[in-house]
Structures are given as C-alpha cells and as structure tokens.
Amino acid sequence: MEQVLFGLRFSSLTMLKQNSVGLRMGQVSKVVEVEGLEIYCSICKDAAKDLSLSNTGGSESWFNSHSVGDKSEHIVEPFNVSLSLLGTSHQNLSKMRM
C-alpha cells in the first residue's frame, strides 16, 4: 500500500541567545536560525508499517528504503528562516548551552 509522506529537512540549525536589555525580569529571548529549510512530500510504500526511525538508523535510510519515486517533491523550495522566541526564564532553559 502506498501513502503520501510529508516532511521537513534543513541543512543548518543555530540557536543564539539574545541580549536581555529591554526584557522584563525572568524573561529569556532566543533566536533560532534555520538554513535550507525544505518542505516536501513523497509517495512511500509500506509507510504505515513502521514510522519509527530508531530501527533504521536515521531518516535518510528510512526514506530511501520506503520511497517509490526517484525523489521527493518540494511543496516549498528551500528557504532560510529566523525565529525569535520569548519566554519565561526556567532553570533548564536559562542553563541551555549555546
């Protein structure tokens, strides 16, 4: 049985800590930069059988072993995006390594 698989791929993910000037006490600001973000779809065989990546050693090998066509099709061509995240400071979040 064939199914349509939707996915995301990216070439680089960077998390930066922002300057806390202008933030209220207890707030944390972070910037996440994603380069080469791709949104794609593909037709796969036996996709419902096992969507777990743990048994296959990664998404590329899983995709290659289940893909019907030669390539996936981009829904959106690769692009770069920056996300600005603002949240309440939590012990675990503020100790996060950059």
C-alpha atoms as a PDB file:
ATOM      1  CA  MET A   1       0.000   0.000   0.000  1.00  0.00           C
ATOM      2  CA  GLU A   2       1.345   3.436  -0.931  1.00  0.00           C
ATOM      3  CA  GLN A   3       0.958   6.502   1.243  1.00  0.00           C
ATOM      4  CA  VAL A   4       1.878  10.162   0.930  1.00  0.00           C
ATOM      5  CA  LEU A   5       4.652  11.243   3.302  1.00  0.00           C
ATOM      6  CA  PHE A   6       5.186  14.903   4.247  1.00  0.00           C
ATOM      7  CA  GLY A   7       8.414  16.040   5.843  1.00  0.00           C
ATOM      8  CA  LEU A   8      10.897  18.758   6.729  1.00  0.00           C
ATOM      9  CA  ARG A   9      14.619  18.853   6.029  1.00  0.00           C
ATOM     10  CA  PHE A  10      17.179  21.528   6.790  1.00  0.00           C
ATOM     11  CA  SER A  11      20.893  21.962   6.281  1.00  0.00           C
ATOM     12  CA  SER A  12      21.697  24.013   9.397  1.00  0.00           C
ATOM     13  CA  LEU A  13      20.063  24.911  12.718  1.00  0.00           C
ATOM     14  CA  THR A  14      21.612  27.543  15.004  1.00  0.00           C
ATOM     15  CA  MET A  15      20.308  28.783  18.357  1.00  0.00           C
ATOM     16  CA  LEU A  16      21.542  32.161  19.615  1.00  0.00           C
ATOM     17  CA  LYS A  17      20.997  33.842  22.970  1.00  0.00           C
ATOM     18  CA  GLN A  18      19.737  37.404  22.680  1.00  0.00           C
ATOM     19  CA  ASN A  19      20.714  40.388  24.791  1.00  0.00           C
ATOM     20  CA  SER A  20      18.342  40.708  27.750  1.00  0.00           C
ATOM     21  CA  VAL A  21      18.213  44.533  27.589  1.00  0.00           C
ATOM     22  CA  GLY A  22      14.595  45.661  27.473  1.00  0.00           C
ATOM     23  CA  LEU A  23      13.212  42.357  28.761  1.00  0.00           C
ATOM     24  CA  ARG A  24      11.228  42.075  31.968  1.00  0.00           C
ATOM     25  CA  MET A  25      12.785  40.253  34.899  1.00  0.00           C
ATOM     26  CA  GLY A  26      12.617  36.493  34.396  1.00  0.00           C
ATOM     27  CA  GLN A  27      12.248  36.596  30.605  1.00  0.00           C
ATOM     28  CA  VAL A  28      14.579  34.883  28.159  1.00  0.00           C
ATOM     29  CA  SER A  29      14.913  35.692  24.465  1.00  0.00           C
ATOM     30  CA  LYS A  30      16.439  33.283  21.940  1.00  0.00           C
ATOM     31  CA  VAL A  31      16.817  33.366  18.160  1.00  0.00           C
ATOM     32  CA  VAL A  32      16.710  30.160  16.118  1.00  0.00           C
ATOM     33  CA  GLU A  33      18.126  30.360  12.581  1.00  0.00           C
ATOM     34  CA  VAL A  34      17.278  27.584  10.122  1.00  0.00           C
ATOM     35  CA  GLU A  35      19.076  27.424   6.764  1.00  0.00           C
ATOM     36  CA  GLY A  36      17.938  25.431   3.765  1.00  0.00           C
ATOM     37  CA  LEU A  37      14.534  24.515   5.221  1.00  0.00           C
ATOM     38  CA  GLU A  38      12.638  22.264   2.787  1.00  0.00           C
ATOM     39  CA  ILE A  39       9.015  21.161   2.989  1.00  0.00           C
ATOM     40  CA  TYR A  40       8.468  18.106   0.808  1.00  0.00           C
ATOM     41  CA  CYS A  41       6.119  15.253   0.037  1.00  0.00           C
ATOM     42  CA  SER A  42       6.716  11.837  -1.448  1.00  0.00           C
ATOM     43  CA  ILE A  43       4.829   8.633  -2.143  1.00  0.00           C
ATOM     44  CA  CYS A  44       6.097   5.781   0.011  1.00  0.00           C
ATOM     45  CA  LYS A  45       5.400   2.062   0.148  1.00  0.00           C
ATOM     46  CA  ASP A  46       4.560   0.385   3.472  1.00  0.00           C
ATOM     47  CA  ALA A  47       4.828   3.698   5.331  1.00  0.00           C
ATOM     48  CA  ALA A  48       2.182   2.712   7.874  1.00  0.00           C
ATOM     49  CA  LYS A  49       4.134  -0.423   8.796  1.00  0.00           C
ATOM     50  CA  ASP A  50       6.872   1.335  10.757  1.00  0.00           C
ATOM     51  CA  LEU A  51       7.246   5.093  11.017  1.00  0.00           C
ATOM     52  CA  SER A  52       9.886   4.728  13.734  1.00  0.00           C
ATOM     53  CA  LEU A  53      13.390   5.931  12.820  1.00  0.00           C
ATOM     54  CA  SER A  54      15.029   4.052  15.699  1.00  0.00           C
ATOM     55  CA  ASN A  55      15.148   0.731  13.835  1.00  0.00           C
ATOM     56  CA  THR A  56      16.558   2.112  10.591  1.00  0.00           C
ATOM     57  CA  GLY A  57      19.445   4.304  11.699  1.00  0.00           C
ATOM     58  CA  GLY A  58      18.039   7.650  10.581  1.00  0.00           C
ATOM     59  CA  SER A  59      15.542   9.392   8.344  1.00  0.00           C
ATOM     60  CA  GLU A  60      17.609   9.217   5.132  1.00  0.00           C
ATOM     61  CA  SER A  61      17.918   5.424   5.199  1.00  0.00           C
ATOM     62  CA  TRP A  62      14.240   5.097   6.179  1.00  0.00           C
ATOM     63  CA  PHE A  63      13.199   7.408   3.353  1.00  0.00           C
ATOM     64  CA  ASN A  64      15.411   5.637   0.786  1.00  0.00           C
ATOM     65  CA  SER A  65      14.090   2.209   1.752  1.00  0.00           C
ATOM     66  CA  HIS A  66      10.419   3.263   1.585  1.00  0.00           C
ATOM     67  CA  SER A  67      10.403   5.751  -1.304  1.00  0.00           C
ATOM     68  CA  VAL A  68       8.601   4.745  -4.508  1.00  0.00           C
ATOM     69  CA  GLY A  69       9.813   7.516  -6.819  1.00  0.00           C
ATOM     70  CA  ASP A  70      13.310   8.758  -7.525  1.00  0.00           C
ATOM     71  CA  LYS A  71      12.934  11.955  -5.489  1.00  0.00           C
ATOM     72  CA  SER A  72      10.627  13.757  -3.156  1.00  0.00           C
ATOM     73  CA  GLU A  73       8.807  16.805  -4.467  1.00  0.00           C
ATOM     74  CA  HIS A  74       9.185  20.189  -2.807  1.00  0.00           C
ATOM     75  CA  ILE A  75       5.962  21.772  -1.651  1.00  0.00           C
ATOM     76  CA  VAL A  76       8.024  24.879  -0.913  1.00  0.00           C
ATOM     77  CA  GLU A  77      11.505  25.425  -2.341  1.00  0.00           C
ATOM     78  CA  PRO A  78      14.319  25.570   0.268  1.00  0.00           C
ATOM     79  CA  PHE A  79      14.459  28.846   2.202  1.00  0.00           C
ATOM     80  CA  ASN A  80      16.112  30.385   5.275  1.00  0.00           C
ATOM     81  CA  VAL A  81      14.132  31.477   8.329  1.00  0.00           C
ATOM     82  CA  SER A  82      14.834  33.125  11.696  1.00  0.00           C
ATOM     83  CA  LEU A  83      12.533  32.613  14.671  1.00  0.00           C
ATOM     84  CA  SER A  84      12.556  34.860  17.722  1.00  0.00           C
ATOM     85  CA  LEU A  85      11.407  33.083  20.895  1.00  0.00           C
ATOM     86  CA  LEU A  86      10.480  34.913  24.088  1.00  0.00           C
ATOM     87  CA  GLY A  87       9.574  33.039  27.250  1.00  0.00           C
ATOM     88  CA  THR A  88       9.671  32.977  30.997  1.00  0.00           C
ATOM     89  CA  SER A  89      13.051  32.009  32.368  1.00  0.00           C
ATOM     90  CA  HIS A  90      13.070  28.449  33.618  1.00  0.00           C
ATOM     91  CA  GLN A  91      16.058  26.881  35.305  1.00  0.00           C
ATOM     92  CA  ASN A  92      16.540  24.393  32.467  1.00  0.00           C
ATOM     93  CA  LEU A  93      16.020  26.992  29.715  1.00  0.00           C
ATOM     94  CA  SER A  94      18.425  29.562  31.154  1.00  0.00           C
ATOM     95  CA  LYS A  95      21.150  26.915  31.586  1.00  0.00           C
ATOM     96  CA  MET A  96      20.768  25.751  27.973  1.00  0.00           C
ATOM     97  CA  ARG A  97      24.108  25.760  26.173  1.00  0.00           C
ATOM     98  CA  MET A  98      24.544  27.824  23.052  1.00  0.00           C
END
